[in-house]
Amino acid sequence: MIENVGTIDRIARIVVGLLLLSIVFIGPQTWWGLIGFGPLVTGLAGRCPGYTLLGINTCGK
């Protein structure tokens, strides 16, 4: 699998994912925080299926 998510994009996705997941444990404690798994997984994997469909590549390779 070819990576299509660049370094800055990966860091932003991981941070946003962790912030959203924190909603489940602190704050309003709603299940909406589980949406954070999407950005977290794509940030850790370095691959985004949505980017593949749209032909976007922020990796720079």
C-alpha atoms as a PDB file:
ATOM      1  CA  MET A   1       0.000   0.000   0.000  1.00  0.00           C
ATOM      2  CA  ILE A   2       1.302   3.421  -0.971  1.00  0.00           C
ATOM      3  CA  GLU A   3       1.216   6.191   1.624  1.00  0.00           C
ATOM      4  CA  ASN A   4      -0.755   9.258   0.585  1.00  0.00           C
ATOM      5  CA  VAL A   5      -0.727  11.279   3.831  1.00  0.00           C
ATOM      6  CA  GLY A   6       2.211  13.613   4.490  1.00  0.00           C
ATOM      7  CA  THR A   7       3.989  14.255   7.785  1.00  0.00           C
ATOM      8  CA  ILE A   8       2.166  17.436   8.796  1.00  0.00           C
ATOM      9  CA  ASP A   9      -1.164  15.904   7.754  1.00  0.00           C
ATOM     10  CA  ARG A  10      -0.394  12.775   9.814  1.00  0.00           C
ATOM     11  CA  ILE A  11       0.460  14.782  12.922  1.00  0.00           C
ATOM     12  CA  ALA A  12      -2.710  16.862  12.562  1.00  0.00           C
ATOM     13  CA  ARG A  13      -4.842  13.726  12.123  1.00  0.00           C
ATOM     14  CA  ILE A  14      -3.324  12.043  15.183  1.00  0.00           C
ATOM     15  CA  VAL A  15      -3.806  15.138  17.356  1.00  0.00           C
ATOM     16  CA  VAL A  16      -7.405  15.663  16.184  1.00  0.00           C
ATOM     17  CA  GLY A  17      -8.158  11.971  16.635  1.00  0.00           C
ATOM     18  CA  LEU A  18      -6.835  11.951  20.191  1.00  0.00           C
ATOM     19  CA  LEU A  19      -8.721  15.141  21.030  1.00  0.00           C
ATOM     20  CA  LEU A  20     -11.971  13.683  19.720  1.00  0.00           C
ATOM     21  CA  LEU A  21     -11.396  10.426  21.598  1.00  0.00           C
ATOM     22  CA  SER A  22     -10.842  12.386  24.800  1.00  0.00           C
ATOM     23  CA  ILE A  23     -14.464  13.545  24.567  1.00  0.00           C
ATOM     24  CA  VAL A  24     -15.512   9.995  25.445  1.00  0.00           C
ATOM     25  CA  PHE A  25     -13.622  10.097  28.757  1.00  0.00           C
ATOM     26  CA  ILE A  26     -13.581  13.766  29.758  1.00  0.00           C
ATOM     27  CA  GLY A  27     -15.817  16.667  28.861  1.00  0.00           C
ATOM     28  CA  PRO A  28     -19.424  15.958  27.921  1.00  0.00           C
ATOM     29  CA  GLN A  29     -18.716  12.173  27.807  1.00  0.00           C
ATOM     30  CA  THR A  30     -20.714  11.456  24.674  1.00  0.00           C
ATOM     31  CA  TRP A  31     -20.169   8.665  22.154  1.00  0.00           C
ATOM     32  CA  TRP A  32     -19.570  11.223  19.409  1.00  0.00           C
ATOM     33  CA  GLY A  33     -15.924  11.180  20.436  1.00  0.00           C
ATOM     34  CA  LEU A  34     -15.546   7.767  18.813  1.00  0.00           C
ATOM     35  CA  ILE A  35     -15.436   9.599  15.493  1.00  0.00           C
ATOM     36  CA  GLY A  36     -11.814  10.250  16.479  1.00  0.00           C
ATOM     37  CA  PHE A  37     -10.875   6.699  15.509  1.00  0.00           C
ATOM     38  CA  GLY A  38     -11.058   7.652  11.810  1.00  0.00           C
ATOM     39  CA  PRO A  39      -8.419  10.381  11.821  1.00  0.00           C
ATOM     40  CA  LEU A  40      -6.303   8.502  14.360  1.00  0.00           C
ATOM     41  CA  VAL A  41      -6.137   5.294  12.304  1.00  0.00           C
ATOM     42  CA  THR A  42      -5.499   7.089   9.008  1.00  0.00           C
ATOM     43  CA  GLY A  43      -2.819   9.222  10.667  1.00  0.00           C
ATOM     44  CA  LEU A  44      -1.047   6.223  12.152  1.00  0.00           C
ATOM     45  CA  ALA A  45      -1.298   4.198   8.938  1.00  0.00           C
ATOM     46  CA  GLY A  46      -0.285   7.087   6.662  1.00  0.00           C
ATOM     47  CA  ARG A  47      -2.992   6.126   4.201  1.00  0.00           C
ATOM     48  CA  CYS A  48      -6.418   7.675   3.676  1.00  0.00           C
ATOM     49  CA  PRO A  49      -9.035   5.888   1.541  1.00  0.00           C
ATOM     50  CA  GLY A  50     -10.806   9.200   0.897  1.00  0.00           C
ATOM     51  CA  TYR A  51      -7.620  10.702  -0.505  1.00  0.00           C
ATOM     52  CA  THR A  52      -7.258   7.682  -2.804  1.00  0.00           C
ATOM     53  CA  LEU A  53     -10.776   8.167  -4.173  1.00  0.00           C
ATOM     54  CA  LEU A  54     -10.197  11.875  -4.755  1.00  0.00           C
ATOM     55  CA  GLY A  55      -6.652  11.468  -6.127  1.00  0.00           C
ATOM     56  CA  ILE A  56      -5.082  13.580  -3.374  1.00  0.00           C
ATOM     57  CA  ASN A  57      -1.538  12.936  -2.160  1.00  0.00           C
ATOM     58  CA  THR A  58       0.003  15.102   0.568  1.00  0.00           C
ATOM     59  CA  CYS A  59       2.968  12.783   1.023  1.00  0.00           C
ATOM     60  CA  GLY A  60       5.227  14.491  -1.497  1.00  0.00           C
ATOM     61  CA  LYS A  61       6.877  11.287  -2.705  1.00  0.00           C
END
